[in-house]
Each structure stands twice: as C-alpha cells, then as structure tokens.
Amino acid sequence: MAREGVTMPATNQHNEQASATPNPFPEPALEYGENPARFLVEELSVDDGEGTSGELMLARIRGLETIELCGFWLAVERALANKESREPRERVERAIRERKAELEEHGEGLAQTEMTPADRRAVAAERDAESVAVLVDEGGEEVSWSRQSGAAVGASR
C-alpha cells in the first residue's frame, strides 16, 4: 500500500506524457501504488515497427498479482472508455478477465516454477520477516537488533 502524500510516477513526471495521462481514480491509484491509465491509454493496433502496439499494456495485465487489482484495472478501462465516449475495448477486458480467472484458479501472486500458492506465501512471509540490514558496532562487529544502542546500520545483505 502506498503512503499518504506519495505521488504517482505518471502524474509527477516532468514530461508531456505525464501531464496528459488521466487518473480517473486518484485515491485507489495511491492505495495500489499505480495508475493503470498509464498503460491503458495505449492504442491496440497492428505493430508496424513504429513503437508499441499495446503489447506493454497486455504484458502488464498478465503480471497483475491480485484479483482485486484486476477489478481496479477493469474499472479504469471502463472509466477511460466512458470519458472518451466509446465502449471498453473487448481485447483489454478479455485480457483482464483471463488474468483474474488464472489468479482465482492458481492463487494470487506471480507464479514461480514448482511453487504452489501456499509455497509462494510462505516464502514471501519469510522474506518479509528477514531484515535486509545488519547492525554493526564501532568495531564493525554485527550487533543484534535487540541491542540497538550504539549501533549503526553497516551493510545490506
């Protein structure tokens, strides 16, 4: 979850694209840490070698990690369509629905070889519980986190 006061990269960048990128749901965008409109403003067309053809958008959809995030992306696609007085794009909606179905069937998160959803959750919990920094005393010796007095962060693992 993003913290209050954190701005979204797409709306805080100093370029023309950032100022033109819509953000139909600013509060959920802050909560999820992304503005799907950054990707959903792309056109879906045949790639003629002159840039993207929506493939970045579709790749990002394939990487959505939660069912709830799929719903948010779908809402943004529909809001953009409404704003532009058009129907939501079937190919985009289908890609989001397919990703949601995959997450419902296999569990949330990104699939990793030979890991069940329970395995992925266990590994993630273990990683979250492990410190990424090591405290050291004045002589450079490691100090436990419970003995923080007089210690400084010395190195990352």
N, C-alpha and C. Protein backbone atom coordinates (compact mmCIF):
# COMPACT_ATOMS: atom_id res chain seq x y z
N MET A 1 0.83 -1.18 0.00
CA MET A 1 0.00 0.00 0.00
C MET A 1 0.88 1.25 0.00
N ALA A 2 0.50 2.23 -0.76
CA ALA A 2 1.25 3.47 -0.82
C ALA A 2 0.89 4.31 0.39
N ARG A 3 1.82 5.17 0.79
CA ARG A 3 1.58 6.04 1.93
C ARG A 3 0.95 7.34 1.48
N GLU A 4 0.23 7.95 2.41
CA GLU A 4 -0.40 9.24 2.14
C GLU A 4 0.67 10.24 1.75
N GLY A 5 0.38 11.04 0.76
CA GLY A 5 1.32 12.07 0.33
C GLY A 5 2.28 11.58 -0.75
N VAL A 6 2.29 10.29 -1.06
CA VAL A 6 3.16 9.76 -2.10
C VAL A 6 2.48 10.02 -3.43
N THR A 7 3.20 10.61 -4.37
CA THR A 7 2.61 10.89 -5.67
C THR A 7 2.92 9.77 -6.64
N MET A 8 2.05 9.62 -7.59
CA MET A 8 2.20 8.57 -8.59
C MET A 8 3.22 9.02 -9.64
N PRO A 9 4.11 8.13 -10.08
CA PRO A 9 5.10 8.50 -11.07
C PRO A 9 4.49 9.09 -12.33
N ALA A 10 3.37 8.55 -12.80
CA ALA A 10 2.78 9.02 -14.05
C ALA A 10 2.25 10.45 -13.93
N THR A 11 1.93 10.88 -12.73
CA THR A 11 1.41 12.23 -12.58
C THR A 11 2.44 13.18 -12.00
N ASN A 12 3.62 12.69 -11.66
CA ASN A 12 4.64 13.52 -11.06
C ASN A 12 5.86 13.67 -11.97
N GLN A 13 5.86 13.01 -13.12
CA GLN A 13 6.97 13.11 -14.04
C GLN A 13 6.92 14.46 -14.74
N HIS A 14 8.08 14.93 -15.16
CA HIS A 14 8.14 16.21 -15.86
C HIS A 14 8.28 15.97 -17.36
N ASN A 15 7.23 15.47 -17.95
CA ASN A 15 7.22 15.30 -19.40
C ASN A 15 5.79 15.44 -19.90
N GLU A 16 5.64 15.53 -21.21
CA GLU A 16 4.31 15.75 -21.78
C GLU A 16 3.37 14.60 -21.51
N GLN A 17 3.88 13.36 -21.59
CA GLN A 17 3.02 12.20 -21.38
C GLN A 17 2.42 12.21 -19.98
N ALA A 18 3.23 12.57 -18.98
CA ALA A 18 2.75 12.57 -17.60
C ALA A 18 1.61 13.55 -17.43
N SER A 19 1.73 14.75 -18.02
CA SER A 19 0.67 15.74 -17.84
C SER A 19 -0.59 15.35 -18.60
N ALA A 20 -0.45 14.50 -19.63
CA ALA A 20 -1.60 14.09 -20.42
C ALA A 20 -2.22 12.78 -19.92
N THR A 21 -1.57 12.08 -19.00
CA THR A 21 -2.09 10.80 -18.52
C THR A 21 -3.22 11.04 -17.54
N PRO A 22 -4.41 10.53 -17.85
CA PRO A 22 -5.54 10.70 -16.93
C PRO A 22 -5.37 9.81 -15.69
N ASN A 23 -6.06 10.18 -14.65
CA ASN A 23 -6.06 9.37 -13.43
C ASN A 23 -7.49 9.41 -12.89
N PRO A 24 -8.37 8.53 -13.44
CA PRO A 24 -9.78 8.60 -13.08
C PRO A 24 -10.09 8.27 -11.62
N PHE A 25 -9.20 7.55 -10.94
CA PHE A 25 -9.44 7.18 -9.54
C PHE A 25 -8.16 7.43 -8.73
N PRO A 26 -7.89 8.69 -8.37
CA PRO A 26 -6.63 9.02 -7.69
C PRO A 26 -6.43 8.31 -6.34
N GLU A 27 -7.50 8.19 -5.55
CA GLU A 27 -7.33 7.55 -4.23
C GLU A 27 -6.95 6.07 -4.35
N PRO A 28 -7.69 5.28 -5.15
CA PRO A 28 -7.26 3.88 -5.31
C PRO A 28 -5.89 3.77 -5.97
N ALA A 29 -5.56 4.71 -6.87
CA ALA A 29 -4.23 4.68 -7.50
C ALA A 29 -3.15 4.82 -6.44
N LEU A 30 -3.37 5.70 -5.47
CA LEU A 30 -2.40 5.83 -4.37
C LEU A 30 -2.36 4.56 -3.54
N GLU A 31 -3.52 3.99 -3.27
CA GLU A 31 -3.60 2.77 -2.46
C GLU A 31 -2.85 1.61 -3.13
N TYR A 32 -3.06 1.44 -4.44
CA TYR A 32 -2.42 0.34 -5.16
C TYR A 32 -1.00 0.66 -5.60
N GLY A 33 -0.62 1.93 -5.54
CA GLY A 33 0.73 2.31 -5.93
C GLY A 33 0.93 2.40 -7.42
N GLU A 34 -0.16 2.50 -8.18
CA GLU A 34 -0.03 2.64 -9.63
C GLU A 34 -1.30 3.22 -10.22
N ASN A 35 -1.13 3.86 -11.37
CA ASN A 35 -2.25 4.38 -12.13
C ASN A 35 -2.35 3.56 -13.41
N PRO A 36 -3.28 2.60 -13.48
CA PRO A 36 -3.39 1.76 -14.67
C PRO A 36 -3.58 2.55 -15.97
N ALA A 37 -4.10 3.76 -15.87
CA ALA A 37 -4.30 4.57 -17.07
C ALA A 37 -2.98 4.82 -17.80
N ARG A 38 -1.87 4.79 -17.08
CA ARG A 38 -0.55 4.93 -17.72
C ARG A 38 -0.40 3.94 -18.86
N PHE A 39 -0.92 2.73 -18.65
CA PHE A 39 -0.82 1.68 -19.66
C PHE A 39 -2.07 1.66 -20.55
N LEU A 40 -3.22 1.88 -19.95
CA LEU A 40 -4.48 1.73 -20.66
C LEU A 40 -4.76 2.83 -21.68
N VAL A 41 -3.97 3.90 -21.67
CA VAL A 41 -4.15 4.94 -22.69
C VAL A 41 -3.53 4.51 -24.02
N GLU A 42 -2.74 3.44 -24.02
CA GLU A 42 -2.13 2.95 -25.25
C GLU A 42 -3.20 2.47 -26.22
N GLU A 43 -2.92 2.60 -27.49
CA GLU A 43 -3.82 2.07 -28.51
C GLU A 43 -3.45 0.63 -28.79
N LEU A 44 -4.45 -0.16 -29.13
CA LEU A 44 -4.22 -1.54 -29.57
C LEU A 44 -4.29 -1.54 -31.08
N SER A 45 -3.19 -1.81 -31.72
CA SER A 45 -3.17 -1.82 -33.17
C SER A 45 -2.11 -2.79 -33.65
N VAL A 46 -2.09 -3.01 -34.94
CA VAL A 46 -1.06 -3.87 -35.52
C VAL A 46 0.27 -3.17 -35.39
N ASP A 47 1.29 -3.87 -34.90
CA ASP A 47 2.61 -3.28 -34.73
C ASP A 47 3.26 -3.13 -36.09
N ASP A 48 3.50 -1.88 -36.47
CA ASP A 48 4.14 -1.61 -37.75
C ASP A 48 5.62 -1.26 -37.59
N GLY A 49 6.14 -1.50 -36.39
CA GLY A 49 7.55 -1.21 -36.14
C GLY A 49 7.81 0.21 -35.70
N GLU A 50 6.76 0.99 -35.55
CA GLU A 50 6.91 2.40 -35.18
C GLU A 50 6.59 2.65 -33.71
N GLY A 51 6.82 1.69 -32.84
CA GLY A 51 6.54 1.88 -31.43
C GLY A 51 5.66 0.78 -30.90
N THR A 52 5.05 1.02 -29.76
CA THR A 52 4.24 -0.02 -29.12
C THR A 52 2.93 -0.21 -29.85
N SER A 53 2.36 -1.36 -29.64
CA SER A 53 1.05 -1.66 -30.22
C SER A 53 0.11 -2.14 -29.11
N GLY A 54 0.38 -1.69 -27.91
CA GLY A 54 -0.42 -2.13 -26.78
C GLY A 54 0.16 -3.35 -26.09
N GLU A 55 1.30 -3.85 -26.59
CA GLU A 55 1.88 -5.05 -26.00
C GLU A 55 2.36 -4.81 -24.57
N LEU A 56 2.85 -3.62 -24.27
CA LEU A 56 3.28 -3.31 -22.91
C LEU A 56 2.08 -3.38 -21.96
N MET A 57 0.95 -2.84 -22.41
CA MET A 57 -0.27 -2.87 -21.61
C MET A 57 -0.67 -4.32 -21.35
N LEU A 58 -0.69 -5.14 -22.39
CA LEU A 58 -1.11 -6.54 -22.24
C LEU A 58 -0.13 -7.32 -21.37
N ALA A 59 1.16 -7.02 -21.48
CA ALA A 59 2.15 -7.67 -20.62
C ALA A 59 1.93 -7.28 -19.16
N ARG A 60 1.61 -6.01 -18.92
CA ARG A 60 1.35 -5.57 -17.54
C ARG A 60 0.12 -6.25 -16.98
N ILE A 61 -0.90 -6.43 -17.81
CA ILE A 61 -2.12 -7.13 -17.37
C ILE A 61 -1.78 -8.56 -16.99
N ARG A 62 -0.94 -9.22 -17.78
CA ARG A 62 -0.53 -10.60 -17.46
C ARG A 62 0.25 -10.67 -16.16
N GLY A 63 0.80 -9.54 -15.71
CA GLY A 63 1.56 -9.51 -14.47
C GLY A 63 0.78 -9.03 -13.26
N LEU A 64 -0.53 -8.77 -13.41
CA LEU A 64 -1.33 -8.35 -12.25
C LEU A 64 -1.29 -9.46 -11.21
N GLU A 65 -1.09 -9.09 -9.95
CA GLU A 65 -0.84 -10.08 -8.90
C GLU A 65 -2.04 -10.42 -8.03
N THR A 66 -3.10 -9.59 -8.07
CA THR A 66 -4.25 -9.88 -7.21
C THR A 66 -5.55 -9.74 -7.99
N ILE A 67 -6.56 -10.43 -7.51
CA ILE A 67 -7.89 -10.36 -8.10
C ILE A 67 -8.44 -8.95 -7.94
N GLU A 68 -8.19 -8.35 -6.80
CA GLU A 68 -8.67 -7.00 -6.53
C GLU A 68 -8.05 -6.00 -7.50
N LEU A 69 -6.77 -6.17 -7.81
CA LEU A 69 -6.10 -5.28 -8.76
C LEU A 69 -6.68 -5.45 -10.17
N CYS A 70 -7.07 -6.67 -10.52
CA CYS A 70 -7.74 -6.90 -11.81
C CYS A 70 -9.03 -6.08 -11.88
N GLY A 71 -9.79 -6.07 -10.80
CA GLY A 71 -11.02 -5.28 -10.76
C GLY A 71 -10.76 -3.80 -10.92
N PHE A 72 -9.69 -3.31 -10.31
CA PHE A 72 -9.32 -1.90 -10.41
C PHE A 72 -8.96 -1.56 -11.86
N TRP A 73 -8.17 -2.41 -12.50
CA TRP A 73 -7.80 -2.18 -13.90
C TRP A 73 -9.03 -2.17 -14.79
N LEU A 74 -9.95 -3.07 -14.55
CA LEU A 74 -11.18 -3.13 -15.35
C LEU A 74 -11.99 -1.84 -15.17
N ALA A 75 -12.07 -1.36 -13.94
CA ALA A 75 -12.79 -0.11 -13.67
C ALA A 75 -12.13 1.07 -14.39
N VAL A 76 -10.80 1.11 -14.40
CA VAL A 76 -10.11 2.20 -15.09
C VAL A 76 -10.33 2.13 -16.59
N GLU A 77 -10.28 0.93 -17.18
CA GLU A 77 -10.55 0.78 -18.62
C GLU A 77 -11.95 1.30 -18.94
N ARG A 78 -12.92 0.95 -18.12
CA ARG A 78 -14.30 1.39 -18.36
C ARG A 78 -14.45 2.90 -18.16
N ALA A 79 -13.76 3.47 -17.17
CA ALA A 79 -13.82 4.91 -16.94
C ALA A 79 -13.19 5.67 -18.11
N LEU A 80 -12.07 5.16 -18.62
CA LEU A 80 -11.43 5.82 -19.77
C LEU A 80 -12.34 5.74 -21.00
N ALA A 81 -12.98 4.59 -21.20
CA ALA A 81 -13.90 4.44 -22.33
C ALA A 81 -15.05 5.43 -22.21
N ASN A 82 -15.62 5.56 -21.01
CA ASN A 82 -16.71 6.48 -20.78
C ASN A 82 -16.27 7.92 -21.05
N LYS A 83 -15.09 8.27 -20.57
CA LYS A 83 -14.55 9.62 -20.77
C LYS A 83 -14.36 9.93 -22.25
N GLU A 84 -13.99 8.91 -23.02
CA GLU A 84 -13.73 9.09 -24.45
C GLU A 84 -14.97 8.77 -25.31
N SER A 85 -16.11 8.57 -24.67
CA SER A 85 -17.38 8.26 -25.35
C SER A 85 -17.24 7.07 -26.31
N ARG A 86 -16.67 6.00 -25.78
CA ARG A 86 -16.52 4.78 -26.56
C ARG A 86 -16.83 3.59 -25.67
N GLU A 87 -16.93 2.43 -26.24
CA GLU A 87 -17.11 1.20 -25.47
C GLU A 87 -15.76 0.74 -24.96
N PRO A 88 -15.72 0.06 -23.80
CA PRO A 88 -14.45 -0.52 -23.36
C PRO A 88 -13.95 -1.51 -24.42
N ARG A 89 -12.65 -1.60 -24.56
CA ARG A 89 -12.07 -2.47 -25.58
C ARG A 89 -12.19 -3.93 -25.14
N GLU A 90 -12.79 -4.72 -26.01
CA GLU A 90 -13.03 -6.14 -25.71
C GLU A 90 -11.72 -6.88 -25.45
N ARG A 91 -10.69 -6.59 -26.23
CA ARG A 91 -9.41 -7.29 -26.05
C ARG A 91 -8.80 -7.00 -24.67
N VAL A 92 -8.93 -5.77 -24.20
CA VAL A 92 -8.41 -5.39 -22.88
C VAL A 92 -9.24 -6.05 -21.79
N GLU A 93 -10.56 -5.94 -21.90
CA GLU A 93 -11.43 -6.57 -20.90
C GLU A 93 -11.19 -8.08 -20.84
N ARG A 94 -11.04 -8.71 -22.01
CA ARG A 94 -10.82 -10.15 -22.06
C ARG A 94 -9.49 -10.51 -21.37
N ALA A 95 -8.44 -9.72 -21.64
CA ALA A 95 -7.13 -9.98 -21.02
C ALA A 95 -7.23 -9.88 -19.49
N ILE A 96 -7.96 -8.88 -19.00
CA ILE A 96 -8.12 -8.71 -17.55
C ILE A 96 -8.94 -9.86 -16.96
N ARG A 97 -10.03 -10.24 -17.63
CA ARG A 97 -10.86 -11.35 -17.14
C ARG A 97 -10.06 -12.67 -17.13
N GLU A 98 -9.23 -12.88 -18.15
CA GLU A 98 -8.42 -14.10 -18.21
C GLU A 98 -7.40 -14.12 -17.08
N ARG A 99 -6.78 -12.96 -16.80
CA ARG A 99 -5.81 -12.90 -15.69
C ARG A 99 -6.52 -13.15 -14.36
N LYS A 100 -7.70 -12.57 -14.19
CA LYS A 100 -8.46 -12.78 -12.96
C LYS A 100 -8.80 -14.25 -12.78
N ALA A 101 -9.25 -14.91 -13.85
CA ALA A 101 -9.59 -16.34 -13.79
C ALA A 101 -8.35 -17.17 -13.44
N GLU A 102 -7.22 -16.80 -14.00
CA GLU A 102 -5.97 -17.52 -13.69
C GLU A 102 -5.61 -17.37 -12.21
N LEU A 103 -5.77 -16.17 -11.68
CA LEU A 103 -5.47 -15.94 -10.26
C LEU A 103 -6.45 -16.70 -9.37
N GLU A 104 -7.72 -16.74 -9.77
CA GLU A 104 -8.72 -17.48 -9.00
C GLU A 104 -8.40 -18.98 -8.99
N GLU A 105 -7.90 -19.47 -10.10
CA GLU A 105 -7.61 -20.89 -10.20
C GLU A 105 -6.29 -21.28 -9.53
N HIS A 106 -5.26 -20.44 -9.69
CA HIS A 106 -3.92 -20.82 -9.22
C HIS A 106 -3.47 -20.05 -7.98
N GLY A 107 -4.22 -19.08 -7.55
CA GLY A 107 -3.81 -18.28 -6.39
C GLY A 107 -3.18 -16.98 -6.83
N GLU A 108 -3.21 -16.03 -5.94
CA GLU A 108 -2.69 -14.70 -6.25
C GLU A 108 -1.17 -14.69 -6.21
N GLY A 109 -0.59 -13.70 -6.83
CA GLY A 109 0.86 -13.57 -6.92
C GLY A 109 1.34 -14.03 -8.28
N LEU A 110 2.62 -13.87 -8.51
CA LEU A 110 3.21 -14.31 -9.76
C LEU A 110 3.68 -15.74 -9.61
N ALA A 111 3.29 -16.58 -10.53
CA ALA A 111 3.66 -18.00 -10.46
C ALA A 111 5.17 -18.16 -10.56
N GLN A 112 5.71 -19.05 -9.77
CA GLN A 112 7.12 -19.38 -9.83
C GLN A 112 7.23 -20.89 -10.00
N THR A 113 8.22 -21.32 -10.69
CA THR A 113 8.40 -22.73 -11.01
C THR A 113 8.31 -23.60 -9.78
N GLU A 114 7.48 -24.63 -9.89
CA GLU A 114 7.36 -25.67 -8.86
C GLU A 114 6.86 -25.15 -7.51
N MET A 115 6.22 -23.99 -7.47
CA MET A 115 5.72 -23.45 -6.21
C MET A 115 4.21 -23.32 -6.25
N THR A 116 3.55 -23.84 -5.23
CA THR A 116 2.11 -23.67 -5.10
C THR A 116 1.84 -22.27 -4.52
N PRO A 117 0.60 -21.80 -4.57
CA PRO A 117 0.31 -20.51 -3.94
C PRO A 117 0.70 -20.48 -2.46
N ALA A 118 0.49 -21.60 -1.75
CA ALA A 118 0.87 -21.66 -0.33
C ALA A 118 2.38 -21.53 -0.18
N ASP A 119 3.14 -22.18 -1.07
CA ASP A 119 4.60 -22.07 -1.03
C ASP A 119 5.04 -20.63 -1.26
N ARG A 120 4.41 -19.96 -2.25
CA ARG A 120 4.77 -18.57 -2.53
C ARG A 120 4.49 -17.67 -1.34
N ARG A 121 3.33 -17.89 -0.68
CA ARG A 121 3.00 -17.08 0.51
C ARG A 121 4.01 -17.32 1.62
N ALA A 122 4.41 -18.57 1.83
CA ALA A 122 5.38 -18.89 2.88
C ALA A 122 6.72 -18.23 2.61
N VAL A 123 7.18 -18.29 1.37
CA VAL A 123 8.46 -17.67 1.01
C VAL A 123 8.39 -16.16 1.18
N ALA A 124 7.26 -15.57 0.76
CA ALA A 124 7.09 -14.12 0.90
C ALA A 124 7.08 -13.71 2.37
N ALA A 125 6.41 -14.48 3.21
CA ALA A 125 6.35 -14.18 4.65
C ALA A 125 7.74 -14.29 5.26
N GLU A 126 8.50 -15.29 4.85
CA GLU A 126 9.87 -15.46 5.36
C GLU A 126 10.74 -14.28 4.94
N ARG A 127 10.60 -13.87 3.68
CA ARG A 127 11.38 -12.74 3.18
C ARG A 127 11.02 -11.47 3.92
N ASP A 128 9.71 -11.27 4.18
CA ASP A 128 9.28 -10.07 4.88
C ASP A 128 9.78 -10.03 6.32
N ALA A 129 9.94 -11.20 6.93
CA ALA A 129 10.37 -11.27 8.32
C ALA A 129 11.88 -11.09 8.48
N GLU A 130 12.62 -11.29 7.41
CA GLU A 130 14.08 -11.21 7.47
C GLU A 130 14.54 -9.77 7.25
N SER A 131 15.45 -9.31 8.05
CA SER A 131 15.97 -7.96 7.90
C SER A 131 16.89 -7.89 6.69
N VAL A 132 16.87 -6.75 6.01
CA VAL A 132 17.77 -6.57 4.89
C VAL A 132 19.00 -5.77 5.29
N ALA A 133 19.05 -5.32 6.53
CA ALA A 133 20.20 -4.55 7.01
C ALA A 133 20.81 -5.25 8.20
N VAL A 134 22.09 -4.97 8.41
CA VAL A 134 22.82 -5.56 9.52
C VAL A 134 23.34 -4.42 10.39
N LEU A 135 23.10 -4.51 11.69
CA LEU A 135 23.65 -3.51 12.60
C LEU A 135 25.07 -3.92 12.99
N VAL A 136 25.95 -2.92 13.07
CA VAL A 136 27.33 -3.18 13.48
C VAL A 136 27.72 -2.21 14.58
N ASP A 137 28.62 -2.65 15.45
CA ASP A 137 29.11 -1.75 16.50
C ASP A 137 30.29 -0.95 15.97
N GLU A 138 30.93 -0.17 16.85
CA GLU A 138 32.04 0.69 16.42
C GLU A 138 33.19 -0.09 15.83
N GLY A 139 33.37 -1.35 16.25
CA GLY A 139 34.46 -2.19 15.73
C GLY A 139 34.08 -2.94 14.47
N GLY A 140 32.84 -2.75 13.98
CA GLY A 140 32.41 -3.43 12.76
C GLY A 140 31.81 -4.80 13.01
N GLU A 141 31.66 -5.20 14.26
CA GLU A 141 31.06 -6.50 14.58
C GLU A 141 29.54 -6.39 14.53
N GLU A 142 28.89 -7.46 14.03
CA GLU A 142 27.43 -7.46 13.98
C GLU A 142 26.83 -7.36 15.37
N VAL A 143 25.73 -6.61 15.47
CA VAL A 143 25.02 -6.41 16.72
C VAL A 143 23.57 -6.83 16.48
N SER A 144 22.98 -7.56 17.43
CA SER A 144 21.59 -7.96 17.25
C SER A 144 20.70 -6.72 17.31
N TRP A 145 19.54 -6.82 16.67
CA TRP A 145 18.61 -5.70 16.64
C TRP A 145 18.10 -5.35 18.03
N SER A 146 18.12 -6.29 18.96
CA SER A 146 17.65 -6.00 20.31
C SER A 146 18.66 -5.14 21.07
N ARG A 147 19.89 -5.04 20.59
CA ARG A 147 20.93 -4.24 21.22
C ARG A 147 21.27 -3.05 20.35
N GLN A 148 20.27 -2.23 20.07
CA GLN A 148 20.45 -1.14 19.11
C GLN A 148 21.25 0.03 19.64
N SER A 149 21.36 0.19 20.91
CA SER A 149 22.07 1.33 21.47
C SER A 149 23.53 1.31 21.02
N GLY A 150 23.98 2.38 20.42
CA GLY A 150 25.37 2.49 20.00
C GLY A 150 25.67 1.76 18.69
N ALA A 151 24.66 1.24 18.02
CA ALA A 151 24.88 0.53 16.77
C ALA A 151 24.44 1.40 15.59
N ALA A 152 24.99 1.14 14.44
CA ALA A 152 24.62 1.84 13.22
C ALA A 152 24.39 0.81 12.12
N VAL A 153 23.57 1.19 11.14
CA VAL A 153 23.37 0.28 10.01
C VAL A 153 24.66 0.25 9.23
N GLY A 154 25.22 -0.97 9.08
CA GLY A 154 26.53 -1.10 8.46
C GLY A 154 26.49 -1.57 7.04
N ALA A 155 25.61 -2.48 6.71
CA ALA A 155 25.63 -3.05 5.37
C ALA A 155 24.32 -3.72 5.06
N SER A 156 24.06 -3.88 3.79
CA SER A 156 22.89 -4.65 3.37
C SER A 156 23.33 -6.06 3.04
N ARG A 157 22.44 -7.00 3.26
CA ARG A 157 22.79 -8.38 2.93
C ARG A 157 22.78 -8.61 1.45
